[in-house]
Amino acid sequence: MRPAAAVSAHYVVDEDGTVWRLVDEARRAWHAGRAFWAGERDVNSHSIGIELVNPGHEHGYRPFPEAQIAALEALAHDVLARHKIPPGRVLGHSDVAPQRKQDPGELFPWPRLAAAGIGLWPDFTASAEPGLATVEAAQRALAAIGYEVAVTGTLAPETEAVIAAFQRHFRPERCDGALDLETARRIARIAALSP
């Protein structure tokens, strides 16, 4: 933890698979910063923060090594089981802070983790969801999923940042914040699965 920066995490998973516990899970870590999910603004007090070593988008973002993802899977299974966290509540920093964060990013293997019971990744090819006809409908659906987005009916930069965060998680091949037909369809599909 860097006290002056108020930055910490419960765990760090290194590229070689080494897992470092930095903060006891019973204590609050400062991994999310200013964040929001499903009405909760104090995400740090209601989550377990796991950081993955990666240079990030600013410094040479690259795929996550197999050893790192295997270690993450084991750690996440343990955390989810001990705290009875539903798999759909496994989120990335970009989900809870889309205006500020891009991690874990579009190279993160969400489908693989979901197949292992960690996170959410439906079969988008089997979806009968027609998509959303308007920006306002997409904003409402994103808010229903849990994202912080104002329902204005306009595609302002704040909404584009939320759409890009959604894309990083659920449509990683396109992370431009544009509300194209496939992105709208996937937003509708995830919204239909949200509690």
N, C-alpha and C. Protein backbone atom coordinates (compact mmCIF):
# COMPACT_ATOMS: atom_id res chain seq x y z
N MET A 1 0.84 -1.19 0.00
CA MET A 1 0.00 0.00 0.00
C MET A 1 0.87 1.24 0.00
N ARG A 2 0.46 2.23 -0.72
CA ARG A 2 1.14 3.52 -0.72
C ARG A 2 0.21 4.50 -0.01
N PRO A 3 0.41 4.74 1.29
CA PRO A 3 -0.53 5.57 2.05
C PRO A 3 -0.78 6.94 1.44
N ALA A 4 0.24 7.59 0.92
CA ALA A 4 0.04 8.93 0.37
C ALA A 4 -0.85 8.88 -0.87
N ALA A 5 -0.76 7.80 -1.64
CA ALA A 5 -1.56 7.69 -2.85
C ALA A 5 -2.91 7.04 -2.58
N ALA A 6 -3.07 6.46 -1.40
CA ALA A 6 -4.30 5.73 -1.04
C ALA A 6 -4.62 4.67 -2.10
N VAL A 7 -3.59 3.90 -2.48
CA VAL A 7 -3.73 2.84 -3.45
C VAL A 7 -3.26 1.54 -2.82
N SER A 8 -4.10 0.51 -2.89
CA SER A 8 -3.73 -0.81 -2.40
C SER A 8 -4.69 -1.82 -3.01
N ALA A 9 -4.39 -3.09 -2.80
CA ALA A 9 -5.26 -4.17 -3.24
C ALA A 9 -5.12 -5.31 -2.24
N HIS A 10 -6.09 -6.17 -2.22
CA HIS A 10 -5.98 -7.33 -1.35
C HIS A 10 -4.94 -8.31 -1.88
N TYR A 11 -4.91 -8.48 -3.20
CA TYR A 11 -3.99 -9.42 -3.83
C TYR A 11 -3.37 -8.82 -5.09
N VAL A 12 -2.17 -9.29 -5.40
CA VAL A 12 -1.53 -9.03 -6.68
C VAL A 12 -1.11 -10.38 -7.24
N VAL A 13 -1.44 -10.62 -8.51
CA VAL A 13 -1.04 -11.85 -9.18
C VAL A 13 0.03 -11.49 -10.21
N ASP A 14 1.24 -12.02 -10.01
CA ASP A 14 2.36 -11.72 -10.90
C ASP A 14 2.23 -12.54 -12.18
N GLU A 15 2.97 -12.14 -13.19
CA GLU A 15 2.91 -12.82 -14.49
C GLU A 15 3.35 -14.28 -14.41
N ASP A 16 4.21 -14.61 -13.43
CA ASP A 16 4.66 -16.01 -13.30
C ASP A 16 3.71 -16.85 -12.44
N GLY A 17 2.59 -16.24 -11.99
CA GLY A 17 1.61 -16.96 -11.20
C GLY A 17 1.75 -16.80 -9.71
N THR A 18 2.76 -16.09 -9.27
CA THR A 18 2.92 -15.84 -7.84
C THR A 18 1.79 -14.94 -7.36
N VAL A 19 1.17 -15.30 -6.25
CA VAL A 19 0.08 -14.51 -5.66
C VAL A 19 0.60 -13.88 -4.38
N TRP A 20 0.47 -12.57 -4.30
CA TRP A 20 0.89 -11.82 -3.12
C TRP A 20 -0.34 -11.29 -2.41
N ARG A 21 -0.50 -11.60 -1.14
CA ARG A 21 -1.58 -11.01 -0.36
C ARG A 21 -1.03 -9.76 0.31
N LEU A 22 -1.65 -8.63 0.03
CA LEU A 22 -1.16 -7.35 0.54
C LEU A 22 -2.03 -6.80 1.66
N VAL A 23 -3.33 -7.04 1.59
CA VAL A 23 -4.26 -6.53 2.59
C VAL A 23 -5.17 -7.68 3.00
N ASP A 24 -5.36 -7.86 4.29
CA ASP A 24 -6.27 -8.89 4.77
C ASP A 24 -7.67 -8.61 4.23
N GLU A 25 -8.37 -9.66 3.83
CA GLU A 25 -9.70 -9.49 3.23
C GLU A 25 -10.70 -8.83 4.18
N ALA A 26 -10.47 -8.90 5.46
CA ALA A 26 -11.37 -8.27 6.43
C ALA A 26 -11.19 -6.75 6.47
N ARG A 27 -10.13 -6.27 5.84
CA ARG A 27 -9.85 -4.83 5.82
C ARG A 27 -10.16 -4.25 4.45
N ARG A 28 -10.38 -2.96 4.44
CA ARG A 28 -10.68 -2.25 3.19
C ARG A 28 -9.39 -1.97 2.44
N ALA A 29 -9.40 -2.25 1.15
CA ALA A 29 -8.29 -1.85 0.27
C ALA A 29 -8.78 -0.72 -0.61
N TRP A 30 -7.86 -0.07 -1.31
CA TRP A 30 -8.18 1.11 -2.11
C TRP A 30 -7.91 0.83 -3.59
N HIS A 31 -8.38 -0.30 -4.09
CA HIS A 31 -8.08 -0.71 -5.45
C HIS A 31 -8.96 -0.05 -6.49
N ALA A 32 -10.20 0.28 -6.16
CA ALA A 32 -11.13 0.82 -7.15
C ALA A 32 -11.12 2.34 -7.21
N GLY A 33 -10.68 2.99 -6.17
CA GLY A 33 -10.74 4.45 -6.14
C GLY A 33 -12.19 4.91 -6.15
N ARG A 34 -12.44 6.06 -6.75
CA ARG A 34 -13.83 6.52 -6.90
C ARG A 34 -14.52 5.58 -7.88
N ALA A 35 -15.53 4.90 -7.41
CA ALA A 35 -16.16 3.88 -8.25
C ALA A 35 -17.63 3.76 -7.91
N PHE A 36 -18.34 3.02 -8.77
CA PHE A 36 -19.78 2.83 -8.61
C PHE A 36 -20.17 1.51 -9.25
N TRP A 37 -21.04 0.77 -8.57
CA TRP A 37 -21.64 -0.40 -9.19
C TRP A 37 -22.99 -0.68 -8.54
N ALA A 38 -24.01 -0.77 -9.34
CA ALA A 38 -25.36 -1.16 -8.89
C ALA A 38 -25.82 -0.37 -7.67
N GLY A 39 -25.60 0.95 -7.71
CA GLY A 39 -26.05 1.81 -6.64
C GLY A 39 -25.05 2.02 -5.52
N GLU A 40 -23.97 1.26 -5.52
CA GLU A 40 -22.97 1.35 -4.45
C GLU A 40 -21.82 2.24 -4.87
N ARG A 41 -21.58 3.31 -4.10
CA ARG A 41 -20.48 4.23 -4.40
C ARG A 41 -19.19 3.87 -3.66
N ASP A 42 -19.30 3.13 -2.58
CA ASP A 42 -18.11 2.75 -1.81
C ASP A 42 -17.71 1.32 -2.19
N VAL A 43 -17.32 1.15 -3.43
CA VAL A 43 -16.98 -0.17 -3.96
C VAL A 43 -15.82 -0.78 -3.18
N ASN A 44 -14.86 0.03 -2.76
CA ASN A 44 -13.71 -0.49 -2.02
C ASN A 44 -14.11 -1.23 -0.75
N SER A 45 -15.13 -0.76 -0.07
CA SER A 45 -15.56 -1.39 1.18
C SER A 45 -16.40 -2.64 0.95
N HIS A 46 -16.79 -2.88 -0.28
CA HIS A 46 -17.68 -4.00 -0.57
C HIS A 46 -17.10 -4.94 -1.61
N SER A 47 -15.79 -5.02 -1.68
CA SER A 47 -15.17 -5.86 -2.71
C SER A 47 -13.79 -6.34 -2.27
N ILE A 48 -13.34 -7.37 -2.95
CA ILE A 48 -11.98 -7.88 -2.78
C ILE A 48 -11.22 -7.47 -4.04
N GLY A 49 -10.16 -6.72 -3.87
CA GLY A 49 -9.41 -6.21 -5.01
C GLY A 49 -8.26 -7.11 -5.40
N ILE A 50 -8.25 -7.54 -6.65
CA ILE A 50 -7.17 -8.36 -7.19
C ILE A 50 -6.56 -7.61 -8.36
N GLU A 51 -5.28 -7.32 -8.26
CA GLU A 51 -4.55 -6.66 -9.33
C GLU A 51 -3.72 -7.69 -10.08
N LEU A 52 -3.63 -7.52 -11.39
CA LEU A 52 -2.79 -8.37 -12.23
C LEU A 52 -1.62 -7.56 -12.76
N VAL A 53 -0.42 -8.09 -12.64
CA VAL A 53 0.74 -7.39 -13.18
C VAL A 53 0.62 -7.38 -14.71
N ASN A 54 0.65 -6.20 -15.27
CA ASN A 54 0.59 -5.98 -16.71
C ASN A 54 0.96 -4.51 -16.91
N PRO A 55 1.74 -4.19 -17.94
CA PRO A 55 2.13 -2.80 -18.12
C PRO A 55 0.96 -1.84 -18.35
N GLY A 56 -0.17 -2.34 -18.80
CA GLY A 56 -1.32 -1.48 -19.02
C GLY A 56 -1.28 -0.79 -20.37
N HIS A 57 -2.38 -0.15 -20.69
CA HIS A 57 -2.55 0.48 -22.00
C HIS A 57 -1.52 1.57 -22.28
N GLU A 58 -1.07 2.24 -21.25
CA GLU A 58 -0.13 3.35 -21.45
C GLU A 58 1.31 2.88 -21.64
N HIS A 59 1.61 1.61 -21.25
CA HIS A 59 3.01 1.18 -21.22
C HIS A 59 3.24 -0.17 -21.88
N GLY A 60 2.47 -0.52 -22.89
CA GLY A 60 2.72 -1.77 -23.61
C GLY A 60 1.80 -2.91 -23.20
N TYR A 61 0.53 -2.63 -23.06
CA TYR A 61 -0.48 -3.64 -22.71
C TYR A 61 -0.27 -4.90 -23.54
N ARG A 62 -0.32 -6.04 -22.86
CA ARG A 62 -0.08 -7.31 -23.55
C ARG A 62 -0.97 -8.40 -22.97
N PRO A 63 -1.09 -9.52 -23.68
CA PRO A 63 -1.91 -10.63 -23.17
C PRO A 63 -1.38 -11.12 -21.82
N PHE A 64 -2.29 -11.68 -21.05
CA PHE A 64 -1.95 -12.20 -19.74
C PHE A 64 -1.39 -13.61 -19.88
N PRO A 65 -0.24 -13.91 -19.26
CA PRO A 65 0.36 -15.24 -19.39
C PRO A 65 -0.51 -16.33 -18.75
N GLU A 66 -0.38 -17.54 -19.27
CA GLU A 66 -1.14 -18.68 -18.78
C GLU A 66 -0.96 -18.88 -17.28
N ALA A 67 0.27 -18.81 -16.79
CA ALA A 67 0.51 -19.03 -15.35
C ALA A 67 -0.24 -18.00 -14.51
N GLN A 68 -0.31 -16.78 -14.97
CA GLN A 68 -1.01 -15.72 -14.25
C GLN A 68 -2.51 -15.99 -14.21
N ILE A 69 -3.10 -16.37 -15.33
CA ILE A 69 -4.53 -16.62 -15.38
C ILE A 69 -4.89 -17.87 -14.59
N ALA A 70 -4.05 -18.91 -14.64
CA ALA A 70 -4.31 -20.11 -13.84
C ALA A 70 -4.29 -19.78 -12.35
N ALA A 71 -3.34 -18.97 -11.93
CA ALA A 71 -3.28 -18.57 -10.51
C ALA A 71 -4.47 -17.71 -10.15
N LEU A 72 -4.89 -16.82 -11.05
CA LEU A 72 -6.06 -15.99 -10.80
C LEU A 72 -7.31 -16.87 -10.64
N GLU A 73 -7.46 -17.87 -11.50
CA GLU A 73 -8.61 -18.77 -11.40
C GLU A 73 -8.67 -19.43 -10.02
N ALA A 74 -7.54 -19.95 -9.57
CA ALA A 74 -7.51 -20.62 -8.26
C ALA A 74 -7.85 -19.63 -7.14
N LEU A 75 -7.26 -18.46 -7.18
CA LEU A 75 -7.53 -17.44 -6.16
C LEU A 75 -8.99 -17.02 -6.20
N ALA A 76 -9.51 -16.75 -7.38
CA ALA A 76 -10.90 -16.29 -7.50
C ALA A 76 -11.88 -17.36 -7.01
N HIS A 77 -11.63 -18.62 -7.35
CA HIS A 77 -12.51 -19.70 -6.85
C HIS A 77 -12.53 -19.69 -5.33
N ASP A 78 -11.37 -19.52 -4.73
CA ASP A 78 -11.27 -19.51 -3.27
C ASP A 78 -12.03 -18.32 -2.68
N VAL A 79 -11.82 -17.14 -3.23
CA VAL A 79 -12.49 -15.93 -2.74
C VAL A 79 -14.01 -16.03 -2.92
N LEU A 80 -14.45 -16.45 -4.09
CA LEU A 80 -15.89 -16.56 -4.36
C LEU A 80 -16.55 -17.56 -3.41
N ALA A 81 -15.90 -18.67 -3.17
CA ALA A 81 -16.47 -19.70 -2.28
C ALA A 81 -16.54 -19.21 -0.84
N ARG A 82 -15.47 -18.60 -0.35
CA ARG A 82 -15.44 -18.15 1.04
C ARG A 82 -16.44 -17.04 1.33
N HIS A 83 -16.66 -16.17 0.35
CA HIS A 83 -17.54 -15.02 0.57
C HIS A 83 -18.91 -15.18 -0.08
N LYS A 84 -19.15 -16.34 -0.72
CA LYS A 84 -20.43 -16.61 -1.38
C LYS A 84 -20.81 -15.48 -2.36
N ILE A 85 -19.83 -15.11 -3.17
CA ILE A 85 -20.02 -14.06 -4.18
C ILE A 85 -20.55 -14.71 -5.45
N PRO A 86 -21.67 -14.22 -5.98
CA PRO A 86 -22.17 -14.77 -7.25
C PRO A 86 -21.17 -14.48 -8.37
N PRO A 87 -20.97 -15.42 -9.28
CA PRO A 87 -20.00 -15.21 -10.37
C PRO A 87 -20.24 -13.93 -11.16
N GLY A 88 -21.50 -13.53 -11.33
CA GLY A 88 -21.81 -12.32 -12.09
C GLY A 88 -21.37 -11.03 -11.41
N ARG A 89 -20.95 -11.12 -10.16
CA ARG A 89 -20.45 -9.93 -9.45
C ARG A 89 -18.94 -9.79 -9.55
N VAL A 90 -18.31 -10.58 -10.40
CA VAL A 90 -16.88 -10.43 -10.66
C VAL A 90 -16.75 -9.37 -11.75
N LEU A 91 -16.09 -8.29 -11.41
CA LEU A 91 -16.04 -7.11 -12.28
C LEU A 91 -14.60 -6.66 -12.49
N GLY A 92 -14.41 -5.88 -13.53
CA GLY A 92 -13.13 -5.24 -13.76
C GLY A 92 -13.17 -3.81 -13.27
N HIS A 93 -11.99 -3.24 -13.08
CA HIS A 93 -11.93 -1.83 -12.66
C HIS A 93 -12.62 -0.93 -13.68
N SER A 94 -12.52 -1.27 -14.96
CA SER A 94 -13.17 -0.43 -15.97
C SER A 94 -14.69 -0.50 -15.85
N ASP A 95 -15.24 -1.58 -15.30
CA ASP A 95 -16.68 -1.66 -15.09
C ASP A 95 -17.14 -0.68 -14.02
N VAL A 96 -16.37 -0.58 -12.93
CA VAL A 96 -16.80 0.24 -11.80
C VAL A 96 -16.29 1.68 -11.86
N ALA A 97 -15.33 1.94 -12.73
CA ALA A 97 -14.78 3.30 -12.88
C ALA A 97 -14.47 3.58 -14.35
N PRO A 98 -15.49 3.53 -15.22
CA PRO A 98 -15.24 3.63 -16.66
C PRO A 98 -14.69 4.98 -17.13
N GLN A 99 -14.88 6.02 -16.35
CA GLN A 99 -14.36 7.33 -16.74
C GLN A 99 -12.86 7.44 -16.50
N ARG A 100 -12.31 6.51 -15.66
CA ARG A 100 -10.90 6.62 -15.26
C ARG A 100 -10.05 5.39 -15.56
N LYS A 101 -10.67 4.23 -15.67
CA LYS A 101 -9.87 3.00 -15.74
C LYS A 101 -10.18 2.18 -16.99
N GLN A 102 -9.16 1.47 -17.49
CA GLN A 102 -9.31 0.59 -18.65
C GLN A 102 -9.02 -0.87 -18.31
N ASP A 103 -8.55 -1.14 -17.12
CA ASP A 103 -8.16 -2.51 -16.79
C ASP A 103 -9.32 -3.34 -16.25
N PRO A 104 -9.30 -4.63 -16.46
CA PRO A 104 -8.18 -5.41 -17.00
C PRO A 104 -8.04 -5.34 -18.52
N GLY A 105 -9.00 -4.75 -19.20
CA GLY A 105 -8.84 -4.49 -20.63
C GLY A 105 -9.36 -5.58 -21.54
N GLU A 106 -9.26 -5.29 -22.81
CA GLU A 106 -9.83 -6.15 -23.85
C GLU A 106 -9.08 -7.45 -24.07
N LEU A 107 -7.88 -7.60 -23.52
CA LEU A 107 -7.14 -8.85 -23.65
C LEU A 107 -7.41 -9.81 -22.49
N PHE A 108 -8.16 -9.37 -21.52
CA PHE A 108 -8.47 -10.22 -20.37
C PHE A 108 -9.42 -11.34 -20.81
N PRO A 109 -9.18 -12.58 -20.40
CA PRO A 109 -9.97 -13.72 -20.89
C PRO A 109 -11.29 -13.93 -20.13
N TRP A 110 -12.21 -12.98 -20.22
CA TRP A 110 -13.50 -13.12 -19.54
C TRP A 110 -14.22 -14.42 -19.91
N PRO A 111 -14.26 -14.81 -21.20
CA PRO A 111 -14.97 -16.06 -21.53
C PRO A 111 -14.38 -17.28 -20.81
N ARG A 112 -13.07 -17.35 -20.74
CA ARG A 112 -12.41 -18.48 -20.06
C ARG A 112 -12.78 -18.51 -18.59
N LEU A 113 -12.70 -17.36 -17.93
CA LEU A 113 -13.02 -17.34 -16.51
C LEU A 113 -14.49 -17.68 -16.26
N ALA A 114 -15.37 -17.17 -17.11
CA ALA A 114 -16.80 -17.48 -16.95
C ALA A 114 -17.04 -18.98 -17.12
N ALA A 115 -16.34 -19.60 -18.05
CA ALA A 115 -16.48 -21.05 -18.24
C ALA A 115 -16.02 -21.81 -17.00
N ALA A 116 -15.14 -21.18 -16.22
CA ALA A 116 -14.66 -21.79 -14.98
C ALA A 116 -15.51 -21.38 -13.77
N GLY A 117 -16.61 -20.65 -14.02
CA GLY A 117 -17.50 -20.25 -12.94
C GLY A 117 -17.13 -18.93 -12.29
N ILE A 118 -16.30 -18.15 -12.97
CA ILE A 118 -15.85 -16.86 -12.44
C ILE A 118 -16.27 -15.78 -13.43
N GLY A 119 -17.24 -14.98 -13.07
CA GLY A 119 -17.68 -13.93 -13.97
C GLY A 119 -18.84 -14.40 -14.85
N LEU A 120 -19.23 -13.52 -15.73
CA LEU A 120 -20.39 -13.74 -16.59
C LEU A 120 -19.99 -13.60 -18.04
N TRP A 121 -20.32 -14.59 -18.85
CA TRP A 121 -20.11 -14.52 -20.29
C TRP A 121 -21.13 -15.44 -20.96
N PRO A 122 -22.28 -14.90 -21.35
CA PRO A 122 -23.28 -15.75 -21.99
C PRO A 122 -22.88 -16.10 -23.42
N ASP A 123 -23.58 -17.07 -23.98
CA ASP A 123 -23.39 -17.41 -25.38
C ASP A 123 -24.10 -16.35 -26.22
N PHE A 124 -23.36 -15.37 -26.68
CA PHE A 124 -23.96 -14.29 -27.43
C PHE A 124 -24.52 -14.75 -28.78
N THR A 125 -23.99 -15.84 -29.31
CA THR A 125 -24.49 -16.32 -30.61
C THR A 125 -25.87 -16.94 -30.48
N ALA A 126 -26.22 -17.40 -29.29
CA ALA A 126 -27.53 -18.03 -29.08
C ALA A 126 -28.59 -17.04 -28.62
N SER A 127 -28.21 -15.80 -28.48
CA SER A 127 -29.13 -14.79 -27.95
C SER A 127 -30.21 -14.42 -28.95
N ALA A 128 -31.41 -14.30 -28.42
CA ALA A 128 -32.52 -13.83 -29.24
C ALA A 128 -32.81 -12.36 -28.98
N GLU A 129 -31.98 -11.73 -28.15
CA GLU A 129 -32.19 -10.32 -27.83
C GLU A 129 -32.06 -9.49 -29.10
N PRO A 130 -33.03 -8.64 -29.39
CA PRO A 130 -33.00 -7.86 -30.63
C PRO A 130 -32.05 -6.66 -30.58
N GLY A 131 -31.59 -6.28 -29.42
CA GLY A 131 -30.79 -5.07 -29.30
C GLY A 131 -31.64 -3.92 -28.83
N LEU A 132 -31.07 -2.78 -28.77
CA LEU A 132 -31.76 -1.60 -28.25
C LEU A 132 -31.88 -0.57 -29.36
N ALA A 133 -33.06 0.03 -29.45
CA ALA A 133 -33.34 0.91 -30.58
C ALA A 133 -32.81 2.33 -30.40
N THR A 134 -32.59 2.77 -29.15
CA THR A 134 -32.18 4.15 -28.93
C THR A 134 -31.04 4.23 -27.92
N VAL A 135 -30.38 5.37 -27.91
CA VAL A 135 -29.34 5.62 -26.91
C VAL A 135 -29.95 5.59 -25.52
N GLU A 136 -31.13 6.17 -25.36
CA GLU A 136 -31.79 6.16 -24.05
C GLU A 136 -32.04 4.73 -23.56
N ALA A 137 -32.48 3.85 -24.45
CA ALA A 137 -32.71 2.45 -24.07
C ALA A 137 -31.41 1.79 -23.65
N ALA A 138 -30.33 2.09 -24.36
CA ALA A 138 -29.02 1.53 -24.00
C ALA A 138 -28.57 2.06 -22.64
N GLN A 139 -28.76 3.35 -22.40
CA GLN A 139 -28.39 3.92 -21.10
C GLN A 139 -29.19 3.26 -19.97
N ARG A 140 -30.48 3.07 -20.17
CA ARG A 140 -31.31 2.41 -19.15
C ARG A 140 -30.83 0.98 -18.90
N ALA A 141 -30.50 0.27 -19.96
CA ALA A 141 -30.03 -1.11 -19.82
C ALA A 141 -28.67 -1.16 -19.12
N LEU A 142 -27.76 -0.26 -19.48
CA LEU A 142 -26.46 -0.21 -18.81
C LEU A 142 -26.62 0.10 -17.32
N ALA A 143 -27.53 1.00 -16.99
CA ALA A 143 -27.80 1.30 -15.57
C ALA A 143 -28.40 0.08 -14.87
N ALA A 144 -29.26 -0.66 -15.54
CA ALA A 144 -29.85 -1.86 -14.95
C ALA A 144 -28.79 -2.93 -14.70
N ILE A 145 -27.79 -2.99 -15.56
CA ILE A 145 -26.69 -3.94 -15.37
C ILE A 145 -25.89 -3.57 -14.12
N GLY A 146 -25.71 -2.27 -13.88
CA GLY A 146 -24.95 -1.81 -12.72
C GLY A 146 -24.06 -0.62 -12.98
N TYR A 147 -23.86 -0.28 -14.25
CA TYR A 147 -22.98 0.84 -14.60
C TYR A 147 -23.59 2.17 -14.15
N GLU A 148 -22.73 3.12 -13.87
CA GLU A 148 -23.18 4.48 -13.56
C GLU A 148 -23.26 5.24 -14.88
N VAL A 149 -24.47 5.53 -15.30
CA VAL A 149 -24.68 6.25 -16.56
C VAL A 149 -25.95 7.08 -16.43
N ALA A 150 -25.87 8.31 -16.84
CA ALA A 150 -27.05 9.18 -16.83
C ALA A 150 -27.93 8.84 -18.03
N VAL A 151 -29.22 8.80 -17.79
CA VAL A 151 -30.17 8.51 -18.87
C VAL A 151 -30.59 9.84 -19.49
N THR A 152 -29.89 10.21 -20.55
CA THR A 152 -30.11 11.51 -21.21
C THR A 152 -30.64 11.37 -22.63
N GLY A 153 -30.45 10.20 -23.21
CA GLY A 153 -30.84 10.01 -24.61
C GLY A 153 -29.82 10.53 -25.60
N THR A 154 -28.70 11.07 -25.10
CA THR A 154 -27.66 11.56 -26.00
C THR A 154 -26.37 10.78 -25.77
N LEU A 155 -25.62 10.60 -26.82
CA LEU A 155 -24.37 9.85 -26.77
C LEU A 155 -23.22 10.81 -26.46
N ALA A 156 -23.19 11.27 -25.20
CA ALA A 156 -22.15 12.18 -24.73
C ALA A 156 -20.89 11.38 -24.39
N PRO A 157 -19.74 12.06 -24.21
CA PRO A 157 -18.50 11.35 -23.88
C PRO A 157 -18.60 10.45 -22.64
N GLU A 158 -19.38 10.84 -21.64
CA GLU A 158 -19.52 10.02 -20.45
C GLU A 158 -20.20 8.69 -20.79
N THR A 159 -21.22 8.73 -21.61
CA THR A 159 -21.90 7.51 -22.04
C THR A 159 -20.97 6.67 -22.92
N GLU A 160 -20.23 7.30 -23.79
CA GLU A 160 -19.28 6.57 -24.64
C GLU A 160 -18.25 5.83 -23.79
N ALA A 161 -17.79 6.46 -22.69
CA ALA A 161 -16.82 5.80 -21.80
C ALA A 161 -17.44 4.56 -21.16
N VAL A 162 -18.70 4.64 -20.78
CA VAL A 162 -19.38 3.48 -20.18
C VAL A 162 -19.56 2.39 -21.24
N ILE A 163 -19.94 2.76 -22.44
CA ILE A 163 -20.08 1.77 -23.52
C ILE A 163 -18.74 1.12 -23.81
N ALA A 164 -17.66 1.90 -23.84
CA ALA A 164 -16.32 1.32 -24.07
C ALA A 164 -15.96 0.35 -22.94
N ALA A 165 -16.30 0.68 -21.70
CA ALA A 165 -16.04 -0.24 -20.58
C ALA A 165 -16.83 -1.53 -20.76
N PHE A 166 -18.10 -1.40 -21.13
CA PHE A 166 -18.92 -2.58 -21.40
C PHE A 166 -18.28 -3.41 -22.52
N GLN A 167 -17.82 -2.76 -23.56
CA GLN A 167 -17.19 -3.47 -24.67
C GLN A 167 -15.91 -4.17 -24.23
N ARG A 168 -15.10 -3.53 -23.40
CA ARG A 168 -13.88 -4.17 -22.92
C ARG A 168 -14.20 -5.49 -22.22
N HIS A 169 -15.32 -5.51 -21.53
CA HIS A 169 -15.73 -6.70 -20.80
C HIS A 169 -16.48 -7.70 -21.69
N PHE A 170 -17.43 -7.23 -22.47
CA PHE A 170 -18.34 -8.13 -23.18
C PHE A 170 -18.24 -8.11 -24.71
N ARG A 171 -17.42 -7.23 -25.25
CA ARG A 171 -17.19 -7.21 -26.70
C ARG A 171 -15.77 -6.70 -26.98
N PRO A 172 -14.78 -7.47 -26.54
CA PRO A 172 -13.40 -6.97 -26.55
C PRO A 172 -12.82 -6.70 -27.93
N GLU A 173 -13.43 -7.21 -28.97
CA GLU A 173 -12.92 -6.93 -30.31
C GLU A 173 -13.25 -5.52 -30.78
N ARG A 174 -14.10 -4.81 -30.03
CA ARG A 174 -14.43 -3.43 -30.38
C ARG A 174 -14.61 -2.63 -29.10
N CYS A 175 -13.70 -1.73 -28.83
CA CYS A 175 -13.73 -0.94 -27.59
C CYS A 175 -13.69 0.55 -27.89
N ASP A 176 -14.56 0.99 -28.78
CA ASP A 176 -14.52 2.38 -29.22
C ASP A 176 -15.63 3.25 -28.64
N GLY A 177 -16.51 2.68 -27.82
CA GLY A 177 -17.59 3.45 -27.22
C GLY A 177 -18.75 3.72 -28.15
N ALA A 178 -18.72 3.16 -29.36
CA ALA A 178 -19.81 3.35 -30.31
C ALA A 178 -20.94 2.37 -30.02
N LEU A 179 -22.15 2.84 -30.15
CA LEU A 179 -23.32 2.01 -29.90
C LEU A 179 -23.79 1.41 -31.23
N ASP A 180 -23.01 0.47 -31.74
CA ASP A 180 -23.40 -0.22 -32.97
C ASP A 180 -24.41 -1.31 -32.63
N LEU A 181 -24.95 -1.95 -33.63
CA LEU A 181 -26.01 -2.94 -33.45
C LEU A 181 -25.57 -4.11 -32.56
N GLU A 182 -24.36 -4.64 -32.77
CA GLU A 182 -23.91 -5.79 -31.97
C GLU A 182 -23.69 -5.39 -30.51
N THR A 183 -23.13 -4.23 -30.28
CA THR A 183 -22.95 -3.77 -28.90
C THR A 183 -24.31 -3.59 -28.23
N ALA A 184 -25.26 -2.99 -28.93
CA ALA A 184 -26.61 -2.81 -28.39
C ALA A 184 -27.26 -4.15 -28.08
N ARG A 185 -27.04 -5.14 -28.93
CA ARG A 185 -27.59 -6.48 -28.71
C ARG A 185 -26.98 -7.12 -27.47
N ARG A 186 -25.66 -6.96 -27.30
CA ARG A 186 -25.00 -7.55 -26.13
C ARG A 186 -25.41 -6.83 -24.84
N ILE A 187 -25.59 -5.52 -24.90
CA ILE A 187 -26.08 -4.79 -23.72
C ILE A 187 -27.44 -5.34 -23.33
N ALA A 188 -28.32 -5.52 -24.29
CA ALA A 188 -29.66 -6.06 -24.01
C ALA A 188 -29.57 -7.45 -23.41
N ARG A 189 -28.65 -8.28 -23.92
CA ARG A 189 -28.49 -9.66 -23.41
C ARG A 189 -28.03 -9.66 -21.97
N ILE A 190 -27.04 -8.84 -21.64
CA ILE A 190 -26.54 -8.81 -20.26
C ILE A 190 -27.58 -8.20 -19.35
N ALA A 191 -28.29 -7.17 -19.79
CA ALA A 191 -29.34 -6.56 -18.98
C ALA A 191 -30.44 -7.58 -18.67
N ALA A 192 -30.75 -8.44 -19.63
CA ALA A 192 -31.77 -9.47 -19.42
C ALA A 192 -31.34 -10.48 -18.36
N LEU A 193 -30.04 -10.66 -18.18
CA LEU A 193 -29.51 -11.60 -17.18
C LEU A 193 -29.31 -10.95 -15.82
N SER A 194 -29.36 -9.63 -15.75
CA SER A 194 -29.10 -8.92 -14.50
C SER A 194 -30.27 -9.06 -13.55
N PRO A 195 -29.98 -9.12 -12.25
CA PRO A 195 -31.07 -9.27 -11.26
C PRO A 195 -31.98 -8.07 -11.20
